[in-house]
């Protein structure tokens, strides 16, 4: 029993070794993207500085209320029964 517990504890140590990564870290390989972003003058979208939010608070509150408490579904359509070709609907 003790041998099984020791073997189980040691298998966790070898898990990273058995993955066989070709790089030093998992984040390696993003060097070109990092360098291009480093040399970008202003990487943010110009519209990100716009603090004026287009919209209406009342409308947003109504949308949130309808999301939390959805309106009931519409009633099912009436069933039409054709008896003997008379074309009478109940």
PDB file of N, CA and C in Angstrom:
ATOM      1  N   UNK A   1       0.825  -1.197   0.000  1.00  0.00           N
ATOM      2  CA  UNK A   1       0.000   0.000   0.000  1.00  0.00           C
ATOM      3  C   UNK A   1       0.869   1.262   0.000  1.00  0.00           C
ATOM      4  N   UNK A   2       1.924   1.254   0.807  1.00  0.00           N
ATOM      5  CA  UNK A   2       2.813   2.405   0.892  1.00  0.00           C
ATOM      6  C   UNK A   2       3.535   2.593  -0.442  1.00  0.00           C
ATOM      7  N   UNK A   3       3.882   1.515  -1.094  1.00  0.00           N
ATOM      8  CA  UNK A   3       4.550   1.586  -2.390  1.00  0.00           C
ATOM      9  C   UNK A   3       3.656   2.257  -3.435  1.00  0.00           C
ATOM     10  N   UNK A   4       2.369   1.968  -3.405  1.00  0.00           N
ATOM     11  CA  UNK A   4       1.421   2.583  -4.348  1.00  0.00           C
ATOM     12  C   UNK A   4       1.292   4.081  -4.076  1.00  0.00           C
ATOM     13  N   UNK A   5       1.242   4.471  -2.817  1.00  0.00           N
ATOM     14  CA  UNK A   5       1.144   5.898  -2.472  1.00  0.00           C
ATOM     15  C   UNK A   5       2.394   6.658  -2.900  1.00  0.00           C
ATOM     16  N   UNK A   6       3.564   6.059  -2.709  1.00  0.00           N
ATOM     17  CA  UNK A   6       4.808   6.721  -3.121  1.00  0.00           C
ATOM     18  C   UNK A   6       4.880   6.854  -4.638  1.00  0.00           C
ATOM     19  N   UNK A   7       4.464   5.812  -5.338  1.00  0.00           N
ATOM     20  CA  UNK A   7       4.478   5.871  -6.801  1.00  0.00           C
ATOM     21  C   UNK A   7       3.494   6.926  -7.305  1.00  0.00           C
ATOM     22  N   UNK A   8       2.349   7.036  -6.678  1.00  0.00           N
ATOM     23  CA  UNK A   8       1.364   8.044  -7.066  1.00  0.00           C
ATOM     24  C   UNK A   8       1.857   9.451  -6.820  1.00  0.00           C
ATOM     25  N   UNK A   9       2.599   9.657  -5.739  1.00  0.00           N
ATOM     26  CA  UNK A   9       3.127  10.982  -5.429  1.00  0.00           C
ATOM     27  C   UNK A   9       4.222  11.387  -6.403  1.00  0.00           C
ATOM     28  N   UNK A  10       5.000  10.435  -6.869  1.00  0.00           N
ATOM     29  CA  UNK A  10       6.099  10.744  -7.773  1.00  0.00           C
ATOM     30  C   UNK A  10       5.637  10.962  -9.217  1.00  0.00           C
ATOM     31  N   UNK A  11       4.484  10.485  -9.595  1.00  0.00           N
ATOM     32  CA  UNK A  11       4.022  10.677 -10.976  1.00  0.00           C
ATOM     33  C   UNK A  11       3.700  12.133 -11.257  1.00  0.00           C
ATOM     34  N   UNK A  12       3.322  12.910 -10.254  1.00  0.00           N
ATOM     35  CA  UNK A  12       3.050  14.323 -10.457  1.00  0.00           C
ATOM     36  C   UNK A  12       4.303  15.116 -10.780  1.00  0.00           C
ATOM     37  N   UNK A  13       5.453  14.670 -10.328  1.00  0.00           N
ATOM     38  CA  UNK A  13       6.709  15.375 -10.588  1.00  0.00           C
ATOM     39  C   UNK A  13       7.136  15.245 -12.044  1.00  0.00           C
ATOM     40  N   UNK A  14       6.808  14.136 -12.662  1.00  0.00           N
ATOM     41  CA  UNK A  14       7.260  13.873 -14.021  1.00  0.00           C
ATOM     42  C   UNK A  14       6.276  14.390 -15.067  1.00  0.00           C
ATOM     43  N   UNK A  15       5.148  14.940 -14.643  1.00  0.00           N
ATOM     44  CA  UNK A  15       4.126  15.356 -15.601  1.00  0.00           C
ATOM     45  C   UNK A  15       4.635  16.448 -16.531  1.00  0.00           C
ATOM     46  N   UNK A  16       5.309  17.467 -16.004  1.00  0.00           N
ATOM     47  CA  UNK A  16       5.823  18.537 -16.866  1.00  0.00           C
ATOM     48  C   UNK A  16       6.965  18.054 -17.749  1.00  0.00           C
ATOM     49  N   UNK A  17       7.760  17.144 -17.241  1.00  0.00           N
ATOM     50  CA  UNK A  17       8.869  16.628 -18.035  1.00  0.00           C
ATOM     51  C   UNK A  17       8.362  15.817 -19.223  1.00  0.00           C
ATOM     52  N   UNK A  18       7.254  15.126 -19.054  1.00  0.00           N
ATOM     53  CA  UNK A  18       6.742  14.263 -20.110  1.00  0.00           C
ATOM     54  C   UNK A  18       5.983  15.026 -21.195  1.00  0.00           C
ATOM     55  N   UNK A  19       5.728  16.308 -21.000  1.00  0.00           N
ATOM     56  CA  UNK A  19       5.021  17.081 -22.023  1.00  0.00           C
ATOM     57  C   UNK A  19       5.906  17.371 -23.231  1.00  0.00           C
ATOM     58  N   UNK A  20       7.218  17.362 -23.063  1.00  0.00           N
ATOM     59  CA  UNK A  20       8.193  17.543 -24.145  1.00  0.00           C
ATOM     60  C   UNK A  20       7.976  18.845 -24.909  1.00  0.00           C
ATOM     61  N   UNK A  21       7.992  19.964 -24.202  1.00  0.00           N
ATOM     62  CA  UNK A  21       7.890  21.256 -24.868  1.00  0.00           C
ATOM     63  C   UNK A  21       9.205  21.594 -25.558  1.00  0.00           C
ATOM     64  N   UNK A  22       9.134  22.233 -26.711  1.00  0.00           N
ATOM     65  CA  UNK A  22      10.326  22.650 -27.439  1.00  0.00           C
ATOM     66  C   UNK A  22      10.804  24.028 -27.007  1.00  0.00           C
ATOM     67  N   UNK A  23      10.072  24.673 -26.132  1.00  0.00           N
ATOM     68  CA  UNK A  23      10.413  26.026 -25.712  1.00  0.00           C
ATOM     69  C   UNK A  23      10.721  26.042 -24.221  1.00  0.00           C
ATOM     70  N   UNK A  24      11.300  27.136 -23.772  1.00  0.00           N
ATOM     71  CA  UNK A  24      11.633  27.258 -22.357  1.00  0.00           C
ATOM     72  C   UNK A  24      10.370  27.492 -21.536  1.00  0.00           C
ATOM     73  N   UNK A  25       9.478  28.360 -22.041  1.00  0.00           N
ATOM     74  CA  UNK A  25       8.230  28.642 -21.345  1.00  0.00           C
ATOM     75  C   UNK A  25       7.072  28.440 -22.310  1.00  0.00           C
ATOM     76  N   UNK A  26       5.873  28.381 -21.756  1.00  0.00           N
ATOM     77  CA  UNK A  26       4.687  28.212 -22.596  1.00  0.00           C
ATOM     78  C   UNK A  26       4.370  29.475 -23.388  1.00  0.00           C
ATOM     79  N   UNK A  27       4.873  30.637 -22.947  1.00  0.00           N
ATOM     80  CA  UNK A  27       4.583  31.898 -23.615  1.00  0.00           C
ATOM     81  C   UNK A  27       5.593  32.210 -24.718  1.00  0.00           C
ATOM     82  N   UNK A  28       6.559  31.354 -24.946  1.00  0.00           N
ATOM     83  CA  UNK A  28       7.564  31.609 -25.980  1.00  0.00           C
ATOM     84  C   UNK A  28       6.915  31.537 -27.353  1.00  0.00           C
ATOM     85  N   UNK A  29       7.427  32.323 -28.288  1.00  0.00           N
ATOM     86  CA  UNK A  29       6.881  32.325 -29.634  1.00  0.00           C
ATOM     87  C   UNK A  29       6.126  33.590 -29.978  1.00  0.00           C
ATOM     88  N   UNK A  30       5.878  34.462 -29.015  1.00  0.00           N
ATOM     89  CA  UNK A  30       5.154  35.700 -29.259  1.00  0.00           C
ATOM     90  C   UNK A  30       6.101  36.888 -29.404  1.00  0.00           C
ATOM     91  N   UNK A  31       7.357  36.633 -29.707  1.00  0.00           N
ATOM     92  CA  UNK A  31       8.360  37.696 -29.739  1.00  0.00           C
ATOM     93  C   UNK A  31       8.061  38.732 -30.807  1.00  0.00           C
ATOM     94  N   UNK A  32       7.691  38.296 -32.003  1.00  0.00           N
ATOM     95  CA  UNK A  32       7.439  39.253 -33.087  1.00  0.00           C
ATOM     96  C   UNK A  32       6.244  40.130 -32.771  1.00  0.00           C
ATOM     97  N   UNK A  33       5.196  39.537 -32.241  1.00  0.00           N
ATOM     98  CA  UNK A  33       4.019  40.335 -31.884  1.00  0.00           C
ATOM     99  C   UNK A  33       4.357  41.298 -30.743  1.00  0.00           C
ATOM    100  N   UNK A  34       5.127  40.833 -29.771  1.00  0.00           N
ATOM    101  CA  UNK A  34       5.513  41.693 -28.651  1.00  0.00           C
ATOM    102  C   UNK A  34       6.335  42.882 -29.149  1.00  0.00           C
ATOM    103  N   UNK A  35       7.288  42.628 -30.034  1.00  0.00           N
ATOM    104  CA  UNK A  35       8.124  43.718 -30.534  1.00  0.00           C
ATOM    105  C   UNK A  35       7.319  44.715 -31.362  1.00  0.00           C
ATOM    106  N   UNK A  36       6.373  44.240 -32.144  1.00  0.00           N
ATOM    107  CA  UNK A  36       5.567  45.173 -32.937  1.00  0.00           C
ATOM    108  C   UNK A  36       4.669  46.019 -32.038  1.00  0.00           C
ATOM    109  N   UNK A  37       4.139  45.432 -30.974  1.00  0.00           N
ATOM    110  CA  UNK A  37       3.312  46.206 -30.053  1.00  0.00           C
ATOM    111  C   UNK A  37       4.170  47.173 -29.228  1.00  0.00           C
ATOM    112  N   UNK A  38       5.405  46.791 -28.951  1.00  0.00           N
ATOM    113  CA  UNK A  38       6.305  47.643 -28.192  1.00  0.00           C
ATOM    114  C   UNK A  38       6.650  48.906 -28.965  1.00  0.00           C
ATOM    115  N   UNK A  39       6.737  48.798 -30.289  1.00  0.00           N
ATOM    116  CA  UNK A  39       7.130  49.927 -31.122  1.00  0.00           C
ATOM    117  C   UNK A  39       5.942  50.712 -31.670  1.00  0.00           C
ATOM    118  N   UNK A  40       4.734  50.310 -31.348  1.00  0.00           N
ATOM    119  CA  UNK A  40       3.548  51.032 -31.782  1.00  0.00           C
ATOM    120  C   UNK A  40       3.400  52.290 -30.928  1.00  0.00           C
ATOM    121  N   UNK A  41       3.144  53.425 -31.587  1.00  0.00           N
ATOM    122  CA  UNK A  41       3.064  54.698 -30.868  1.00  0.00           C
ATOM    123  C   UNK A  41       1.857  54.724 -29.944  1.00  0.00           C
ATOM    124  N   UNK A  42       0.678  54.423 -30.461  1.00  0.00           N
ATOM    125  CA  UNK A  42      -0.538  54.435 -29.660  1.00  0.00           C
ATOM    126  C   UNK A  42      -1.339  53.182 -30.004  1.00  0.00           C
ATOM    127  N   UNK A  43      -1.183  52.106 -29.256  1.00  0.00           N
ATOM    128  CA  UNK A  43      -1.829  50.857 -29.624  1.00  0.00           C
ATOM    129  C   UNK A  43      -3.330  50.821 -29.347  1.00  0.00           C
ATOM    130  N   UNK A  44      -3.870  51.814 -28.633  1.00  0.00           N
ATOM    131  CA  UNK A  44      -5.287  51.790 -28.299  1.00  0.00           C
ATOM    132  C   UNK A  44      -6.139  52.326 -29.444  1.00  0.00           C
ATOM    133  N   UNK A  45      -7.343  51.846 -29.520  1.00  0.00           N
ATOM    134  CA  UNK A  45      -8.316  52.337 -30.482  1.00  0.00           C
ATOM    135  C   UNK A  45      -8.657  53.788 -30.130  1.00  0.00           C
ATOM    136  N   UNK A  46      -8.693  54.698 -31.111  1.00  0.00           N
ATOM    137  CA  UNK A  46      -9.020  56.097 -30.789  1.00  0.00           C
ATOM    138  C   UNK A  46     -10.380  56.263 -30.121  1.00  0.00           C
ATOM    139  N   UNK A  47     -11.314  55.385 -30.398  1.00  0.00           N
ATOM    140  CA  UNK A  47     -12.636  55.499 -29.788  1.00  0.00           C
ATOM    141  C   UNK A  47     -12.644  55.040 -28.335  1.00  0.00           C
ATOM    142  N   UNK A  48     -11.557  54.470 -27.846  1.00  0.00           N
ATOM    143  CA  UNK A  48     -11.528  54.011 -26.456  1.00  0.00           C
ATOM    144  C   UNK A  48     -11.497  55.192 -25.477  1.00  0.00           C
ATOM    145  N   UNK A  49     -11.167  56.373 -25.942  1.00  0.00           N
ATOM    146  CA  UNK A  49     -11.153  57.549 -25.071  1.00  0.00           C
ATOM    147  C   UNK A  49     -12.523  58.228 -24.987  1.00  0.00           C
ATOM    148  N   UNK A  50     -13.466  57.784 -25.801  1.00  0.00           N
ATOM    149  CA  UNK A  50     -14.806  58.367 -25.799  1.00  0.00           C
ATOM    150  C   UNK A  50     -15.549  57.874 -24.564  1.00  0.00           C
ATOM    151  N   UNK A  51     -15.808  58.775 -23.621  1.00  0.00           N
ATOM    152  CA  UNK A  51     -16.498  58.399 -22.395  1.00  0.00           C
ATOM    153  C   UNK A  51     -17.997  58.673 -22.465  1.00  0.00           C
ATOM    154  N   UNK A  52     -18.459  59.243 -23.559  1.00  0.00           N
ATOM    155  CA  UNK A  52     -19.896  59.503 -23.709  1.00  0.00           C
ATOM    156  C   UNK A  52     -20.559  58.236 -24.242  1.00  0.00           C
ATOM    157  N   UNK A  53     -21.374  57.619 -23.406  1.00  0.00           N
ATOM    158  CA  UNK A  53     -22.042  56.375 -23.796  1.00  0.00           C
ATOM    159  C   UNK A  53     -23.376  56.732 -24.428  1.00  0.00           C
ATOM    160  N   UNK A  54     -23.518  56.326 -25.676  1.00  0.00           N
ATOM    161  CA  UNK A  54     -24.769  56.571 -26.391  1.00  0.00           C
ATOM    162  C   UNK A  54     -25.824  55.618 -25.835  1.00  0.00           C
ATOM    163  N   UNK A  55     -26.900  56.118 -25.350  1.00  0.00           N
ATOM    164  CA  UNK A  55     -27.954  55.249 -24.849  1.00  0.00           C
ATOM    165  C   UNK A  55     -28.806  55.957 -23.825  1.00  0.00           C
ATOM    166  N   UNK A  56     -29.841  55.267 -23.422  1.00  0.00           N
ATOM    167  CA  UNK A  56     -30.812  55.814 -22.496  1.00  0.00           C
ATOM    168  C   UNK A  56     -30.866  54.905 -21.270  1.00  0.00           C
ATOM    169  N   UNK A  57     -30.769  55.475 -20.093  1.00  0.00           N
ATOM    170  CA  UNK A  57     -30.795  54.680 -18.871  1.00  0.00           C
ATOM    171  C   UNK A  57     -32.115  53.986 -18.646  1.00  0.00           C
ATOM    172  N   UNK A  58     -33.217  54.654 -19.014  1.00  0.00           N
ATOM    173  CA  UNK A  58     -34.538  54.048 -18.849  1.00  0.00           C
ATOM    174  C   UNK A  58     -34.670  52.830 -19.737  1.00  0.00           C
ATOM    175  N   UNK A  59     -34.189  52.946 -20.980  1.00  0.00           N
ATOM    176  CA  UNK A  59     -34.269  51.825 -21.914  1.00  0.00           C
ATOM    177  C   UNK A  59     -33.391  50.663 -21.438  1.00  0.00           C
ATOM    178  N   UNK A  60     -32.206  50.978 -20.914  1.00  0.00           N
ATOM    179  CA  UNK A  60     -31.313  49.932 -20.412  1.00  0.00           C
ATOM    180  C   UNK A  60     -31.934  49.227 -19.206  1.00  0.00           C
ATOM    181  N   UNK A  61     -32.606  49.983 -18.337  1.00  0.00           N
ATOM    182  CA  UNK A  61     -33.266  49.378 -17.186  1.00  0.00           C
ATOM    183  C   UNK A  61     -34.405  48.468 -17.634  1.00  0.00           C
ATOM    184  N   UNK A  62     -35.148  48.872 -18.674  1.00  0.00           N
ATOM    185  CA  UNK A  62     -36.233  48.044 -19.194  1.00  0.00           C
ATOM    186  C   UNK A  62     -35.697  46.751 -19.794  1.00  0.00           C
ATOM    187  N   UNK A  63     -34.593  46.853 -20.514  1.00  0.00           N
ATOM    188  CA  UNK A  63     -33.984  45.652 -21.098  1.00  0.00           C
ATOM    189  C   UNK A  63     -33.521  44.708 -20.000  1.00  0.00           C
ATOM    190  N   UNK A  64     -32.904  45.255 -18.951  1.00  0.00           N
ATOM    191  CA  UNK A  64     -32.447  44.416 -17.842  1.00  0.00           C
ATOM    192  C   UNK A  64     -33.630  43.765 -17.130  1.00  0.00           C
ATOM    193  N   UNK A  65     -34.713  44.511 -16.960  1.00  0.00           N
ATOM    194  CA  UNK A  65     -35.908  43.960 -16.313  1.00  0.00           C
ATOM    195  C   UNK A  65     -36.511  42.853 -17.163  1.00  0.00           C
ATOM    196  N   UNK A  66     -36.584  43.054 -18.489  1.00  0.00           N
ATOM    197  CA  UNK A  66     -37.142  42.024 -19.364  1.00  0.00           C
ATOM    198  C   UNK A  66     -36.243  40.796 -19.433  1.00  0.00           C
ATOM    199  N   UNK A  67     -34.956  40.982 -19.229  1.00  0.00           N
ATOM    200  CA  UNK A  67     -34.054  39.836 -19.207  1.00  0.00           C
ATOM    201  C   UNK A  67     -34.249  39.026 -17.926  1.00  0.00           C
ATOM    202  N   UNK A  68     -34.433  39.740 -16.820  1.00  0.00           N
ATOM    203  CA  UNK A  68     -34.603  39.067 -15.534  1.00  0.00           C
ATOM    204  C   UNK A  68     -35.979  38.431 -15.411  1.00  0.00           C
ATOM    205  N   UNK A  69     -36.995  39.124 -15.876  1.00  0.00           N
ATOM    206  CA  UNK A  69     -38.375  38.639 -15.824  1.00  0.00           C
ATOM    207  C   UNK A  69     -38.952  38.668 -17.243  1.00  0.00           C
ATOM    208  N   UNK A  70     -38.729  37.627 -18.034  1.00  0.00           N
ATOM    209  CA  UNK A  70     -39.200  37.652 -19.430  1.00  0.00           C
ATOM    210  C   UNK A  70     -40.722  37.670 -19.507  1.00  0.00           C
ATOM    211  N   UNK A  71     -41.260  38.328 -20.540  1.00  0.00           N
ATOM    212  CA  UNK A  71     -42.712  38.355 -20.689  1.00  0.00           C
ATOM    213  C   UNK A  71     -43.224  36.953 -21.033  1.00  0.00           C
ATOM    214  N   UNK A  72     -44.484  36.667 -20.702  1.00  0.00           N
ATOM    215  CA  UNK A  72     -45.008  35.331 -20.994  1.00  0.00           C
ATOM    216  C   UNK A  72     -45.095  35.103 -22.505  1.00  0.00           C
ATOM    217  N   UNK A  73     -44.982  33.854 -22.944  1.00  0.00           N
ATOM    218  CA  UNK A  73     -45.065  33.582 -24.382  1.00  0.00           C
ATOM    219  C   UNK A  73     -46.484  33.836 -24.891  1.00  0.00           C
ATOM    220  N   UNK A  74     -46.626  34.119 -26.180  1.00  0.00           N
ATOM    221  CA  UNK A  74     -47.967  34.351 -26.719  1.00  0.00           C
ATOM    222  C   UNK A  74     -48.775  33.059 -26.684  1.00  0.00           C
ATOM    223  N   UNK A  75     -50.112  33.182 -26.628  1.00  0.00           N
ATOM    224  CA  UNK A  75     -50.939  31.967 -26.587  1.00  0.00           C
ATOM    225  C   UNK A  75     -50.811  31.200 -27.912  1.00  0.00           C
ATOM    226  N   UNK A  76     -51.009  29.896 -27.859  1.00  0.00           N
ATOM    227  CA  UNK A  76     -50.921  29.112 -29.098  1.00  0.00           C
ATOM    228  C   UNK A  76     -52.058  29.482 -30.048  1.00  0.00           C
ATOM    229  N   UNK A  77     -51.856  29.308 -31.344  1.00  0.00           N
ATOM    230  CA  UNK A  77     -52.917  29.646 -32.293  1.00  0.00           C
ATOM    231  C   UNK A  77     -54.123  28.725 -32.126  1.00  0.00           C
ATOM    232  N   UNK A  78     -55.270  29.254 -32.522  1.00  0.00           N
ATOM    233  CA  UNK A  78     -56.518  28.491 -32.417  1.00  0.00           C
ATOM    234  C   UNK A  78     -56.470  27.301 -33.373  1.00  0.00           C
ATOM    235  N   UNK A  79     -57.071  26.198 -32.936  1.00  0.00           N
ATOM    236  CA  UNK A  79     -57.108  24.989 -33.762  1.00  0.00           C
ATOM    237  C   UNK A  79     -58.357  25.037 -34.633  1.00  0.00           C
ATOM    238  N   UNK A  80     -58.161  24.876 -35.925  1.00  0.00           N
ATOM    239  CA  UNK A  80     -59.284  24.873 -36.870  1.00  0.00           C
ATOM    240  C   UNK A  80     -59.620  23.431 -37.217  1.00  0.00           C
ATOM    241  N   UNK A  81     -60.880  23.086 -37.067  1.00  0.00           N
ATOM    242  CA  UNK A  81     -61.331  21.729 -37.370  1.00  0.00           C
ATOM    243  C   UNK A  81     -62.323  21.808 -38.516  1.00  0.00           C
ATOM    244  N   UNK A  82     -62.069  21.045 -39.560  1.00  0.00           N
ATOM    245  CA  UNK A  82     -62.965  20.998 -40.705  1.00  0.00           C
ATOM    246  C   UNK A  82     -63.730  19.680 -40.641  1.00  0.00           C
ATOM    247  N   UNK A  83     -65.030  19.763 -40.322  1.00  0.00           N
ATOM    248  CA  UNK A  83     -65.858  18.574 -40.171  1.00  0.00           C
ATOM    249  C   UNK A  83     -66.793  18.481 -41.373  1.00  0.00           C
ATOM    250  N   UNK A  84     -66.601  17.453 -42.160  1.00  0.00           N
ATOM    251  CA  UNK A  84     -67.522  17.181 -43.267  1.00  0.00           C
ATOM    252  C   UNK A  84     -67.465  18.235 -44.358  1.00  0.00           C
ATOM    253  N   UNK A  85     -66.405  19.013 -44.457  1.00  0.00           N
ATOM    254  CA  UNK A  85     -66.282  19.987 -45.518  1.00  0.00           C
ATOM    255  C   UNK A  85     -67.134  21.218 -45.335  1.00  0.00           C
ATOM    256  N   UNK A  86     -67.691  21.436 -44.139  1.00  0.00           N
ATOM    257  CA  UNK A  86     -68.555  22.592 -43.936  1.00  0.00           C
ATOM    258  C   UNK A  86     -67.764  23.873 -43.763  1.00  0.00           C
ATOM    259  N   UNK A  87     -66.471  23.783 -43.351  1.00  0.00           N
ATOM    260  CA  UNK A  87     -65.659  24.963 -43.192  1.00  0.00           C
ATOM    261  C   UNK A  87     -65.962  25.748 -41.936  1.00  0.00           C
ATOM    262  N   UNK A  88     -66.633  25.142 -40.967  1.00  0.00           N
ATOM    263  CA  UNK A  88     -66.997  25.818 -39.731  1.00  0.00           C
ATOM    264  C   UNK A  88     -65.836  25.684 -38.749  1.00  0.00           C
ATOM    265  N   UNK A  89     -65.459  26.798 -38.147  1.00  0.00           N
ATOM    266  CA  UNK A  89     -64.403  26.761 -37.136  1.00  0.00           C
ATOM    267  C   UNK A  89     -65.042  26.945 -35.764  1.00  0.00           C
ATOM    268  N   UNK A  90     -64.567  26.234 -34.776  1.00  0.00           N
ATOM    269  CA  UNK A  90     -65.183  26.362 -33.427  1.00  0.00           C
ATOM    270  C   UNK A  90     -64.792  27.648 -32.755  1.00  0.00           C
TER     271      UNK A  90
END
